[in-house]
Amino acid sequence: MSLLELDGVSRDFDVSRPWLNRVLEGEPRRSLRAVDGVSFAVRQGETLALVGESGCGKSTVARLIVGLYAPSAGRIAFRGRRMQMIFQDPYASLNPRWRVSKIVAEPITHLQLERSPSRVKEKVANLLTQVGLSPEDGDKYPHEFSGGQRQRISIARALAGEPDLLVCDEPTSALDVSVQAQILNLMAELQSRLGLTYLVISHNLAVVSQIADRVGVMYLGRIVEMAPAAQLFTRPRHPYTRMLLDAVPDLGMSGKARVPVAGEVPNPLAPPSGCAFHPRCPHANERCRAERPPVIDAVACHGVQEGRITP
């Protein structure tokens, strides 16, 4: 059984100009659809990654799941006890006025997982040790740590709530490459030891290839392809997925033909008709420009469904 399920989830944001401007200039209200009918499930113990260019809606999906936003339509079902979130920027996600021990202890005391101060202190020390820090680090403030150490503190705080699901929004993008590897190794080790389930939001395909069991590719608010990670990186089906992979430097100098990245992400306030990717797609035809492709066999592409595009 799935731990988390999203069924037709959408989220609209009102981006209208102020009321007086609209009255004087005769403008209607304007709405932006950041997430458009997203459906997927996450199984217990797996890592599902959502990838795509900036503005595709993947971070909005993360915030919908943890309840920071309410969906405009659709259903989100979570069958675990608790979930926690690891944010992108370790410099901004920790209270600079609190000592680390208080930061990590907050979920424990708020959820009343421990009532005795001595037990709370002991649990905080154990959590800091789990993420590769020292119990003595609890007496310090966040500004006394490096970026990688701050992200370890963020992970310790997330684990303090004893979650079944960790939603990780770009957890390594603000870190140096060597530190990214340390955090990814830590996340993998904790998942193996504690049986955690991860939903990882990332634009870094190198990161995703290391940690994900399955990958969902998002474009302009929709998931256009979902596949096991090994399959997606070796036999991508959707033209957009291929474009993303072709943008990754070929360090092995394989000589494989690559399609250059073309065009820009469309304005979400005025999305293209039909398939949203058709203005950038080399395989687009009249049907692509007129008819929005349904998701069939985990891919939303007329060309794939018609056999015009093959792996």
C-alpha atoms as a PDB file:
ATOM      1  CA  MET A   1       0.000   0.000   0.000  1.00  0.00           C
ATOM      2  CA  SER A   2       1.182   3.516  -0.791  1.00  0.00           C
ATOM      3  CA  LEU A   3       2.247   5.830   2.020  1.00  0.00           C
ATOM      4  CA  LEU A   4       1.297   8.970   0.061  1.00  0.00           C
ATOM      5  CA  GLU A   5      -1.136   9.449  -2.824  1.00  0.00           C
ATOM      6  CA  LEU A   6      -1.959  12.508  -4.907  1.00  0.00           C
ATOM      7  CA  ASP A   7      -5.014  12.304  -7.157  1.00  0.00           C
ATOM      8  CA  GLY A   8      -5.651  15.098  -9.653  1.00  0.00           C
ATOM      9  CA  VAL A   9      -4.100  17.761  -7.408  1.00  0.00           C
ATOM     10  CA  SER A  10      -4.119  21.344  -8.717  1.00  0.00           C
ATOM     11  CA  ARG A  11      -3.206  24.672  -7.175  1.00  0.00           C
ATOM     12  CA  ASP A  12      -4.198  28.104  -8.462  1.00  0.00           C
ATOM     13  CA  PHE A  13      -2.822  31.436  -7.259  1.00  0.00           C
ATOM     14  CA  ASP A  14      -4.597  34.762  -7.624  1.00  0.00           C
ATOM     15  CA  VAL A  15      -2.096  37.089  -9.314  1.00  0.00           C
ATOM     16  CA  SER A  16      -4.557  39.888 -10.064  1.00  0.00           C
ATOM     17  CA  ARG A  17      -3.480  43.497  -9.825  1.00  0.00           C
ATOM     18  CA  PRO A  18      -4.920  45.576  -6.953  1.00  0.00           C
ATOM     19  CA  TRP A  19      -8.678  46.158  -7.054  1.00  0.00           C
ATOM     20  CA  LEU A  20      -8.455  49.863  -7.890  1.00  0.00           C
ATOM     21  CA  ASN A  21      -6.100  49.239 -10.828  1.00  0.00           C
ATOM     22  CA  ARG A  22      -8.457  46.639 -12.229  1.00  0.00           C
ATOM     23  CA  VAL A  23     -11.456  48.938 -11.900  1.00  0.00           C
ATOM     24  CA  LEU A  24      -9.735  51.922 -13.517  1.00  0.00           C
ATOM     25  CA  GLU A  25      -8.136  49.909 -16.325  1.00  0.00           C
ATOM     26  CA  GLY A  26     -10.929  47.398 -16.839  1.00  0.00           C
ATOM     27  CA  GLU A  27      -8.745  44.368 -16.148  1.00  0.00           C
ATOM     28  CA  PRO A  28     -10.263  41.012 -15.114  1.00  0.00           C
ATOM     29  CA  ARG A  29      -8.930  38.921 -12.244  1.00  0.00           C
ATOM     30  CA  ARG A  30      -5.957  36.768 -13.228  1.00  0.00           C
ATOM     31  CA  SER A  31      -5.167  33.279 -11.976  1.00  0.00           C
ATOM     32  CA  LEU A  32      -1.973  31.265 -12.318  1.00  0.00           C
ATOM     33  CA  ARG A  33      -2.186  27.471 -12.267  1.00  0.00           C
ATOM     34  CA  ALA A  34       1.086  26.356 -10.687  1.00  0.00           C
ATOM     35  CA  VAL A  35       0.120  22.682 -10.348  1.00  0.00           C
ATOM     36  CA  ASP A  36      -2.205  21.104 -12.889  1.00  0.00           C
ATOM     37  CA  GLY A  37      -3.831  17.736 -12.186  1.00  0.00           C
ATOM     38  CA  VAL A  38      -0.837  15.975 -10.633  1.00  0.00           C
ATOM     39  CA  SER A  39      -1.306  12.319  -9.647  1.00  0.00           C
ATOM     40  CA  PHE A  40       1.259   9.909  -8.214  1.00  0.00           C
ATOM     41  CA  ALA A  41       1.884   7.587  -5.276  1.00  0.00           C
ATOM     42  CA  VAL A  42       4.899   7.065  -3.036  1.00  0.00           C
ATOM     43  CA  ARG A  43       5.482   3.635  -1.556  1.00  0.00           C
ATOM     44  CA  GLN A  44       6.837   3.020   1.918  1.00  0.00           C
ATOM     45  CA  GLY A  45      10.638   3.047   1.976  1.00  0.00           C
ATOM     46  CA  GLU A  46      11.225   4.391  -1.545  1.00  0.00           C
ATOM     47  CA  THR A  47      12.668   7.642  -2.841  1.00  0.00           C
ATOM     48  CA  LEU A  48      10.600   9.452  -5.450  1.00  0.00           C
ATOM     49  CA  ALA A  49      12.159  12.496  -7.112  1.00  0.00           C
ATOM     50  CA  LEU A  50      10.376  15.291  -8.963  1.00  0.00           C
ATOM     51  CA  VAL A  51      12.550  17.140 -11.485  1.00  0.00           C
ATOM     52  CA  GLY A  52      12.105  19.955 -13.971  1.00  0.00           C
ATOM     53  CA  GLU A  53      13.149  23.497 -14.808  1.00  0.00           C
ATOM     54  CA  SER A  54      12.573  26.368 -12.393  1.00  0.00           C
ATOM     55  CA  GLY A  55       8.910  27.352 -12.314  1.00  0.00           C
ATOM     56  CA  CYS A  56       7.558  23.930 -13.289  1.00  0.00           C
ATOM     57  CA  GLY A  57       5.626  23.570 -10.011  1.00  0.00           C
ATOM     58  CA  LYS A  58       7.689  20.934  -8.213  1.00  0.00           C
ATOM     59  CA  SER A  59       8.275  23.009  -5.052  1.00  0.00           C
ATOM     60  CA  THR A  60       4.588  23.915  -4.974  1.00  0.00           C
ATOM     61  CA  VAL A  61       3.793  20.179  -4.965  1.00  0.00           C
ATOM     62  CA  ALA A  62       6.071  19.771  -1.945  1.00  0.00           C
ATOM     63  CA  ARG A  63       4.314  22.577  -0.083  1.00  0.00           C
ATOM     64  CA  LEU A  64       0.911  21.127  -0.932  1.00  0.00           C
ATOM     65  CA  ILE A  65       1.929  17.762   0.503  1.00  0.00           C
ATOM     66  CA  VAL A  66       3.111  19.167   3.841  1.00  0.00           C
ATOM     67  CA  GLY A  67       0.094  21.468   4.138  1.00  0.00           C
ATOM     68  CA  LEU A  68       1.748  24.850   3.595  1.00  0.00           C
ATOM     69  CA  TYR A  69      -0.706  25.330   0.709  1.00  0.00           C
ATOM     70  CA  ALA A  70      -4.196  23.915   0.315  1.00  0.00           C
ATOM     71  CA  PRO A  71      -5.014  22.283  -3.031  1.00  0.00           C
ATOM     72  CA  SER A  72      -7.487  24.099  -5.272  1.00  0.00           C
ATOM     73  CA  ALA A  73      -8.683  20.722  -6.574  1.00  0.00           C
ATOM     74  CA  GLY A  74      -7.869  17.050  -6.123  1.00  0.00           C
ATOM     75  CA  ARG A  75      -7.041  14.866  -3.138  1.00  0.00           C
ATOM     76  CA  ILE A  76      -3.913  14.213  -1.047  1.00  0.00           C
ATOM     77  CA  ALA A  77      -3.946  11.072   1.126  1.00  0.00           C
ATOM     78  CA  PHE A  78      -1.189  10.388   3.667  1.00  0.00           C
ATOM     79  CA  ARG A  79      -1.321   7.083   5.531  1.00  0.00           C
ATOM     80  CA  GLY A  80       1.577   7.632   7.904  1.00  0.00           C
ATOM     81  CA  ARG A  81       1.651   9.334  11.279  1.00  0.00           C
ATOM     82  CA  ARG A  82       3.852  12.337  10.577  1.00  0.00           C
ATOM     83  CA  MET A  83       5.839  14.021   7.824  1.00  0.00           C
ATOM     84  CA  GLN A  84       8.588  16.614   7.968  1.00  0.00           C
ATOM     85  CA  MET A  85      10.258  18.901   5.435  1.00  0.00           C
ATOM     86  CA  ILE A  86      13.905  19.728   4.744  1.00  0.00           C
ATOM     87  CA  PHE A  87      14.131  23.125   3.088  1.00  0.00           C
ATOM     88  CA  GLN A  88      16.480  24.279   0.353  1.00  0.00           C
ATOM     89  CA  ASP A  89      18.405  26.968   2.208  1.00  0.00           C
ATOM     90  CA  PRO A  90      20.025  25.892   5.492  1.00  0.00           C
ATOM     91  CA  TYR A  91      20.947  29.535   6.132  1.00  0.00           C
ATOM     92  CA  ALA A  92      17.308  30.652   6.150  1.00  0.00           C
ATOM     93  CA  SER A  93      15.532  27.635   7.660  1.00  0.00           C
ATOM     94  CA  LEU A  94      17.122  27.806  11.125  1.00  0.00           C
ATOM     95  CA  ASN A  95      16.261  30.405  13.754  1.00  0.00           C
ATOM     96  CA  PRO A  96      19.500  32.409  14.264  1.00  0.00           C
ATOM     97  CA  ARG A  97      18.505  33.362  17.813  1.00  0.00           C
ATOM     98  CA  TRP A  98      18.091  29.813  19.081  1.00  0.00           C
ATOM     99  CA  ARG A  99      20.790  27.393  20.105  1.00  0.00           C
ATOM    100  CA  VAL A 100      20.932  24.201  18.067  1.00  0.00           C
ATOM    101  CA  SER A 101      19.685  22.120  20.985  1.00  0.00           C
ATOM    102  CA  LYS A 102      16.483  24.185  21.155  1.00  0.00           C
ATOM    103  CA  ILE A 103      16.016  24.018  17.364  1.00  0.00           C
ATOM    104  CA  VAL A 104      16.273  20.217  17.326  1.00  0.00           C
ATOM    105  CA  ALA A 105      14.188  19.828  20.489  1.00  0.00           C
ATOM    106  CA  GLU A 106      11.256  21.904  19.203  1.00  0.00           C
ATOM    107  CA  PRO A 107       9.453  19.051  17.337  1.00  0.00           C
ATOM    108  CA  ILE A 108       9.994  16.727  20.306  1.00  0.00           C
ATOM    109  CA  THR A 109       8.382  19.105  22.789  1.00  0.00           C
ATOM    110  CA  HIS A 110       5.684  20.360  20.414  1.00  0.00           C
ATOM    111  CA  LEU A 111       4.550  16.818  19.557  1.00  0.00           C
ATOM    112  CA  GLN A 112       5.051  15.743  23.190  1.00  0.00           C
ATOM    113  CA  LEU A 113       7.202  12.794  22.139  1.00  0.00           C
ATOM    114  CA  GLU A 114       9.154  13.185  25.393  1.00  0.00           C
ATOM    115  CA  ARG A 115       8.019  15.029  28.517  1.00  0.00           C
ATOM    116  CA  SER A 116      11.087  14.801  30.735  1.00  0.00           C
ATOM    117  CA  PRO A 117      13.699  17.529  30.072  1.00  0.00           C
ATOM    118  CA  SER A 118      16.475  14.999  30.624  1.00  0.00           C
ATOM    119  CA  ARG A 119      14.954  12.646  28.044  1.00  0.00           C
ATOM    120  CA  VAL A 120      14.573  15.507  25.561  1.00  0.00           C
ATOM    121  CA  LYS A 121      18.222  16.452  26.068  1.00  0.00           C
ATOM    122  CA  GLU A 122      19.295  12.837  25.585  1.00  0.00           C
ATOM    123  CA  LYS A 123      17.255  12.502  22.392  1.00  0.00           C
ATOM    124  CA  VAL A 124      18.699  15.739  20.968  1.00  0.00           C
ATOM    125  CA  ALA A 125      22.214  14.454  21.649  1.00  0.00           C
ATOM    126  CA  ASN A 126      21.415  11.170  19.890  1.00  0.00           C
ATOM    127  CA  LEU A 127      19.965  12.992  16.873  1.00  0.00           C
ATOM    128  CA  LEU A 128      23.016  15.233  16.509  1.00  0.00           C
ATOM    129  CA  THR A 129      25.225  12.148  16.666  1.00  0.00           C
ATOM    130  CA  GLN A 130      23.115  10.410  14.017  1.00  0.00           C
ATOM    131  CA  VAL A 131      23.721  13.208  11.514  1.00  0.00           C
ATOM    132  CA  GLY A 132      27.465  13.346  12.146  1.00  0.00           C
ATOM    133  CA  LEU A 133      27.616  16.199  14.650  1.00  0.00           C
ATOM    134  CA  SER A 134      28.646  16.257  18.295  1.00  0.00           C
ATOM    135  CA  PRO A 135      26.235  16.558  21.241  1.00  0.00           C
ATOM    136  CA  GLU A 136      28.334  19.552  22.340  1.00  0.00           C
ATOM    137  CA  ASP A 137      27.274  21.318  19.124  1.00  0.00           C
ATOM    138  CA  GLY A 138      23.852  21.764  20.706  1.00  0.00           C
ATOM    139  CA  ASP A 139      25.205  24.682  22.724  1.00  0.00           C
ATOM    140  CA  LYS A 140      26.148  26.657  19.589  1.00  0.00           C
ATOM    141  CA  TYR A 141      24.144  28.968  17.331  1.00  0.00           C
ATOM    142  CA  PRO A 142      23.515  28.294  13.610  1.00  0.00           C
ATOM    143  CA  HIS A 143      25.930  31.020  12.461  1.00  0.00           C
ATOM    144  CA  GLU A 144      28.809  29.057  13.992  1.00  0.00           C
ATOM    145  CA  PHE A 145      28.416  26.241  11.447  1.00  0.00           C
ATOM    146  CA  SER A 146      29.204  25.750   7.754  1.00  0.00           C
ATOM    147  CA  GLY A 147      26.452  25.277   5.166  1.00  0.00           C
ATOM    148  CA  GLY A 148      26.778  21.502   5.174  1.00  0.00           C
ATOM    149  CA  GLN A 149      26.681  21.393   8.976  1.00  0.00           C
ATOM    150  CA  ARG A 150      23.567  23.569   9.007  1.00  0.00           C
ATOM    151  CA  GLN A 151      21.853  21.169   6.625  1.00  0.00           C
ATOM    152  CA  ARG A 152      22.769  18.334   8.984  1.00  0.00           C
ATOM    153  CA  ILE A 153      21.078  20.310  11.764  1.00  0.00           C
ATOM    154  CA  SER A 154      18.003  20.684   9.520  1.00  0.00           C
ATOM    155  CA  ILE A 155      17.967  16.913   8.979  1.00  0.00           C
ATOM    156  CA  ALA A 156      18.294  16.302  12.731  1.00  0.00           C
ATOM    157  CA  ARG A 157      15.364  18.652  13.367  1.00  0.00           C
ATOM    158  CA  ALA A 158      13.283  16.822  10.742  1.00  0.00           C
ATOM    159  CA  LEU A 159      14.111  13.432  12.269  1.00  0.00           C
ATOM    160  CA  ALA A 160      13.206  14.716  15.740  1.00  0.00           C
ATOM    161  CA  GLY A 161       9.519  14.503  14.825  1.00  0.00           C
ATOM    162  CA  GLU A 162       9.858  10.762  14.059  1.00  0.00           C
ATOM    163  CA  PRO A 163       8.430  11.143  10.535  1.00  0.00           C
ATOM    164  CA  ASP A 164       7.394   8.399   8.139  1.00  0.00           C
ATOM    165  CA  LEU A 165       7.924  10.728   5.162  1.00  0.00           C
ATOM    166  CA  LEU A 166      10.593  13.365   4.563  1.00  0.00           C
ATOM    167  CA  VAL A 167       9.855  15.951   1.873  1.00  0.00           C
ATOM    168  CA  CYS A 168      13.207  17.340   0.721  1.00  0.00           C
ATOM    169  CA  ASP A 169      12.996  20.555  -1.317  1.00  0.00           C
ATOM    170  CA  GLU A 170      16.348  21.003  -3.096  1.00  0.00           C
ATOM    171  CA  PRO A 171      18.206  19.797   0.028  1.00  0.00           C
ATOM    172  CA  THR A 172      21.705  20.131  -1.487  1.00  0.00           C
ATOM    173  CA  SER A 173      21.434  22.942  -4.039  1.00  0.00           C
ATOM    174  CA  ALA A 174      22.912  25.582  -1.705  1.00  0.00           C
ATOM    175  CA  LEU A 175      25.957  23.437  -0.912  1.00  0.00           C
ATOM    176  CA  ASP A 176      29.338  22.800  -2.522  1.00  0.00           C
ATOM    177  CA  VAL A 177      29.658  19.631  -4.604  1.00  0.00           C
ATOM    178  CA  SER A 178      31.791  17.787  -2.049  1.00  0.00           C
ATOM    179  CA  VAL A 179      29.368  18.695   0.739  1.00  0.00           C
ATOM    180  CA  GLN A 180      26.430  17.616  -1.456  1.00  0.00           C
ATOM    181  CA  ALA A 181      27.937  14.136  -1.614  1.00  0.00           C
ATOM    182  CA  GLN A 182      28.236  14.014   2.185  1.00  0.00           C
ATOM    183  CA  ILE A 183      24.588  15.010   2.673  1.00  0.00           C
ATOM    184  CA  LEU A 184      23.374  12.521   0.054  1.00  0.00           C
ATOM    185  CA  ASN A 185      25.367   9.721   1.660  1.00  0.00           C
ATOM    186  CA  LEU A 186      23.924  10.696   5.047  1.00  0.00           C
ATOM    187  CA  MET A 187      20.373  10.649   3.671  1.00  0.00           C
ATOM    188  CA  ALA A 188      20.916   7.203   2.116  1.00  0.00           C
ATOM    189  CA  GLU A 189      22.380   5.831   5.349  1.00  0.00           C
ATOM    190  CA  LEU A 190      19.497   7.202   7.439  1.00  0.00           C
ATOM    191  CA  GLN A 191      16.929   5.806   5.012  1.00  0.00           C
ATOM    192  CA  SER A 192      18.505   2.350   5.190  1.00  0.00           C
ATOM    193  CA  ARG A 193      18.733   2.398   8.987  1.00  0.00           C
ATOM    194  CA  LEU A 194      15.439   4.085   9.870  1.00  0.00           C
ATOM    195  CA  GLY A 195      13.221   2.931   6.971  1.00  0.00           C
ATOM    196  CA  LEU A 196      12.471   6.484   5.848  1.00  0.00           C
ATOM    197  CA  THR A 197      10.498   7.430   2.751  1.00  0.00           C
ATOM    198  CA  TYR A 198      11.717  10.418   0.719  1.00  0.00           C
ATOM    199  CA  LEU A 199      10.082  12.766  -1.744  1.00  0.00           C
ATOM    200  CA  VAL A 200      12.972  14.744  -3.246  1.00  0.00           C
ATOM    201  CA  ILE A 201      12.480  17.948  -5.231  1.00  0.00           C
ATOM    202  CA  SER A 202      15.462  18.773  -7.409  1.00  0.00           C
ATOM    203  CA  HIS A 203      16.626  20.277 -10.690  1.00  0.00           C
ATOM    204  CA  ASN A 204      19.982  18.516 -10.389  1.00  0.00           C
ATOM    205  CA  LEU A 205      19.791  15.301 -12.399  1.00  0.00           C
ATOM    206  CA  ALA A 206      23.167  14.130 -11.074  1.00  0.00           C
ATOM    207  CA  VAL A 207      21.764  14.206  -7.541  1.00  0.00           C
ATOM    208  CA  VAL A 208      18.566  12.458  -8.596  1.00  0.00           C
ATOM    209  CA  SER A 209      20.453   9.668 -10.379  1.00  0.00           C
ATOM    210  CA  GLN A 210      22.247   8.836  -7.107  1.00  0.00           C
ATOM    211  CA  ILE A 211      19.323   8.643  -4.720  1.00  0.00           C
ATOM    212  CA  ALA A 212      16.001   8.131  -6.542  1.00  0.00           C
ATOM    213  CA  ASP A 213      14.130   4.881  -7.087  1.00  0.00           C
ATOM    214  CA  ARG A 214      11.588   6.569  -9.368  1.00  0.00           C
ATOM    215  CA  VAL A 215      11.558   9.938 -11.109  1.00  0.00           C
ATOM    216  CA  GLY A 216       8.688  12.184 -12.152  1.00  0.00           C
ATOM    217  CA  VAL A 217       9.429  14.871 -14.746  1.00  0.00           C
ATOM    218  CA  MET A 218       7.338  18.053 -14.459  1.00  0.00           C
ATOM    219  CA  TYR A 219       6.668  20.695 -17.086  1.00  0.00           C
ATOM    220  CA  LEU A 220       4.446  23.722 -16.563  1.00  0.00           C
ATOM    221  CA  GLY A 221       2.575  22.178 -13.635  1.00  0.00           C
ATOM    222  CA  ARG A 222       2.062  18.679 -15.069  1.00  0.00           C
ATOM    223  CA  ILE A 223       3.941  15.404 -14.709  1.00  0.00           C
ATOM    224  CA  VAL A 224       4.830  14.494 -18.293  1.00  0.00           C
ATOM    225  CA  GLU A 225       6.766  11.299 -17.539  1.00  0.00           C
ATOM    226  CA  MET A 226       7.142   8.935 -14.588  1.00  0.00           C
ATOM    227  CA  ALA A 227       9.553   5.988 -14.642  1.00  0.00           C
ATOM    228  CA  PRO A 228      12.032   3.998 -12.562  1.00  0.00           C
ATOM    229  CA  ALA A 229      15.256   6.002 -12.320  1.00  0.00           C
ATOM    230  CA  ALA A 230      17.385   3.452 -14.199  1.00  0.00           C
ATOM    231  CA  GLN A 231      14.901   3.394 -17.070  1.00  0.00           C
ATOM    232  CA  LEU A 232      14.444   7.142 -17.248  1.00  0.00           C
ATOM    233  CA  PHE A 233      18.181   7.855 -17.410  1.00  0.00           C
ATOM    234  CA  THR A 234      18.906   5.196 -20.026  1.00  0.00           C
ATOM    235  CA  ARG A 235      15.711   5.212 -22.143  1.00  0.00           C
ATOM    236  CA  PRO A 236      13.846   8.523 -21.695  1.00  0.00           C
ATOM    237  CA  ARG A 237      10.577   8.647 -23.607  1.00  0.00           C
ATOM    238  CA  HIS A 238       9.202  12.191 -23.452  1.00  0.00           C
ATOM    239  CA  PRO A 239      11.020  14.788 -25.625  1.00  0.00           C
ATOM    240  CA  TYR A 240      11.278  17.122 -22.638  1.00  0.00           C
ATOM    241  CA  THR A 241      12.976  14.434 -20.546  1.00  0.00           C
ATOM    242  CA  ARG A 242      15.438  13.882 -23.390  1.00  0.00           C
ATOM    243  CA  MET A 243      16.118  17.604 -23.560  1.00  0.00           C
ATOM    244  CA  LEU A 244      16.866  17.746 -19.822  1.00  0.00           C
ATOM    245  CA  LEU A 245      19.262  14.810 -20.055  1.00  0.00           C
ATOM    246  CA  ASP A 246      20.976  16.238 -23.137  1.00  0.00           C
ATOM    247  CA  ALA A 247      21.686  19.413 -21.145  1.00  0.00           C
ATOM    248  CA  VAL A 248      23.864  17.427 -18.714  1.00  0.00           C
ATOM    249  CA  PRO A 249      27.564  17.647 -19.700  1.00  0.00           C
ATOM    250  CA  ASP A 250      28.827  14.458 -21.368  1.00  0.00           C
ATOM    251  CA  LEU A 251      31.934  13.935 -19.246  1.00  0.00           C
ATOM    252  CA  GLY A 252      32.529  10.523 -20.795  1.00  0.00           C
ATOM    253  CA  MET A 253      32.708  12.083 -24.292  1.00  0.00           C
ATOM    254  CA  SER A 254      30.577   9.270 -25.706  1.00  0.00           C
ATOM    255  CA  GLY A 255      29.968  11.126 -28.959  1.00  0.00           C
ATOM    256  CA  LYS A 256      26.228  10.506 -28.693  1.00  0.00           C
ATOM    257  CA  ALA A 257      24.094  12.937 -30.696  1.00  0.00           C
ATOM    258  CA  ARG A 258      22.500  15.530 -28.435  1.00  0.00           C
ATOM    259  CA  VAL A 259      19.541  17.845 -28.994  1.00  0.00           C
ATOM    260  CA  PRO A 260      20.382  21.394 -27.822  1.00  0.00           C
ATOM    261  CA  VAL A 261      18.069  23.057 -25.322  1.00  0.00           C
ATOM    262  CA  ALA A 262      15.596  25.132 -27.306  1.00  0.00           C
ATOM    263  CA  GLY A 263      13.308  27.996 -26.337  1.00  0.00           C
ATOM    264  CA  GLU A 264      12.110  29.159 -22.958  1.00  0.00           C
ATOM    265  CA  VAL A 265       9.499  27.944 -20.505  1.00  0.00           C
ATOM    266  CA  PRO A 266       6.160  29.489 -21.591  1.00  0.00           C
ATOM    267  CA  ASN A 267       4.428  32.142 -19.515  1.00  0.00           C
ATOM    268  CA  PRO A 268       2.218  30.180 -17.084  1.00  0.00           C
ATOM    269  CA  LEU A 269      -0.326  33.026 -17.209  1.00  0.00           C
ATOM    270  CA  ALA A 270      -0.793  32.318 -20.921  1.00  0.00           C
ATOM    271  CA  PRO A 271       0.116  28.651 -21.476  1.00  0.00           C
ATOM    272  CA  PRO A 272       0.235  27.310 -25.049  1.00  0.00           C
ATOM    273  CA  SER A 273      -2.738  25.462 -26.472  1.00  0.00           C
ATOM    274  CA  GLY A 274      -2.588  21.690 -26.748  1.00  0.00           C
ATOM    275  CA  CYS A 275       0.633  20.222 -25.393  1.00  0.00           C
ATOM    276  CA  ALA A 276       2.400  22.908 -23.350  1.00  0.00           C
ATOM    277  CA  PHE A 277       5.781  21.667 -24.612  1.00  0.00           C
ATOM    278  CA  HIS A 278       4.939  21.904 -28.331  1.00  0.00           C
ATOM    279  CA  PRO A 279       6.621  25.328 -28.960  1.00  0.00           C
ATOM    280  CA  ARG A 280       9.976  23.761 -27.954  1.00  0.00           C
ATOM    281  CA  CYS A 281       9.465  20.226 -29.268  1.00  0.00           C
ATOM    282  CA  PRO A 282      11.110  19.130 -32.553  1.00  0.00           C
ATOM    283  CA  HIS A 283       8.470  16.405 -32.991  1.00  0.00           C
ATOM    284  CA  ALA A 284       5.374  18.619 -32.605  1.00  0.00           C
ATOM    285  CA  ASN A 285       2.607  18.407 -35.213  1.00  0.00           C
ATOM    286  CA  GLU A 286      -0.875  19.906 -35.581  1.00  0.00           C
ATOM    287  CA  ARG A 287      -2.392  17.496 -33.080  1.00  0.00           C
ATOM    288  CA  CYS A 288       0.227  18.525 -30.494  1.00  0.00           C
ATOM    289  CA  ARG A 289      -0.650  22.194 -31.050  1.00  0.00           C
ATOM    290  CA  ALA A 290      -4.399  21.608 -30.734  1.00  0.00           C
ATOM    291  CA  GLU A 291      -4.951  18.729 -28.307  1.00  0.00           C
ATOM    292  CA  ARG A 292      -3.594  18.289 -24.797  1.00  0.00           C
ATOM    293  CA  PRO A 293      -2.091  14.792 -24.454  1.00  0.00           C
ATOM    294  CA  PRO A 294      -3.457  12.546 -21.702  1.00  0.00           C
ATOM    295  CA  VAL A 295      -1.142  10.532 -19.484  1.00  0.00           C
ATOM    296  CA  ILE A 296      -1.017   7.037 -20.959  1.00  0.00           C
ATOM    297  CA  ASP A 297       1.449   4.427 -19.723  1.00  0.00           C
ATOM    298  CA  ALA A 298       3.065   7.085 -17.466  1.00  0.00           C
ATOM    299  CA  VAL A 299       3.911   9.520 -20.284  1.00  0.00           C
ATOM    300  CA  ALA A 300       1.967  12.497 -21.663  1.00  0.00           C
ATOM    301  CA  CYS A 301       3.029  12.772 -25.319  1.00  0.00           C
ATOM    302  CA  HIS A 302       1.119  12.281 -28.581  1.00  0.00           C
ATOM    303  CA  GLY A 303       4.336  11.403 -30.395  1.00  0.00           C
ATOM    304  CA  VAL A 304       5.158   8.569 -27.979  1.00  0.00           C
ATOM    305  CA  GLN A 305       1.593   7.266 -28.002  1.00  0.00           C
ATOM    306  CA  GLU A 306       1.446   7.331 -31.806  1.00  0.00           C
ATOM    307  CA  GLY A 307       4.818   5.608 -32.175  1.00  0.00           C
ATOM    308  CA  ARG A 308       6.468   8.613 -33.854  1.00  0.00           C
ATOM    309  CA  ILE A 309       8.944   8.911 -30.959  1.00  0.00           C
ATOM    310  CA  THR A 310      10.695   5.719 -29.862  1.00  0.00           C
ATOM    311  CA  PRO A 311      13.281   5.156 -27.098  1.00  0.00           C
END
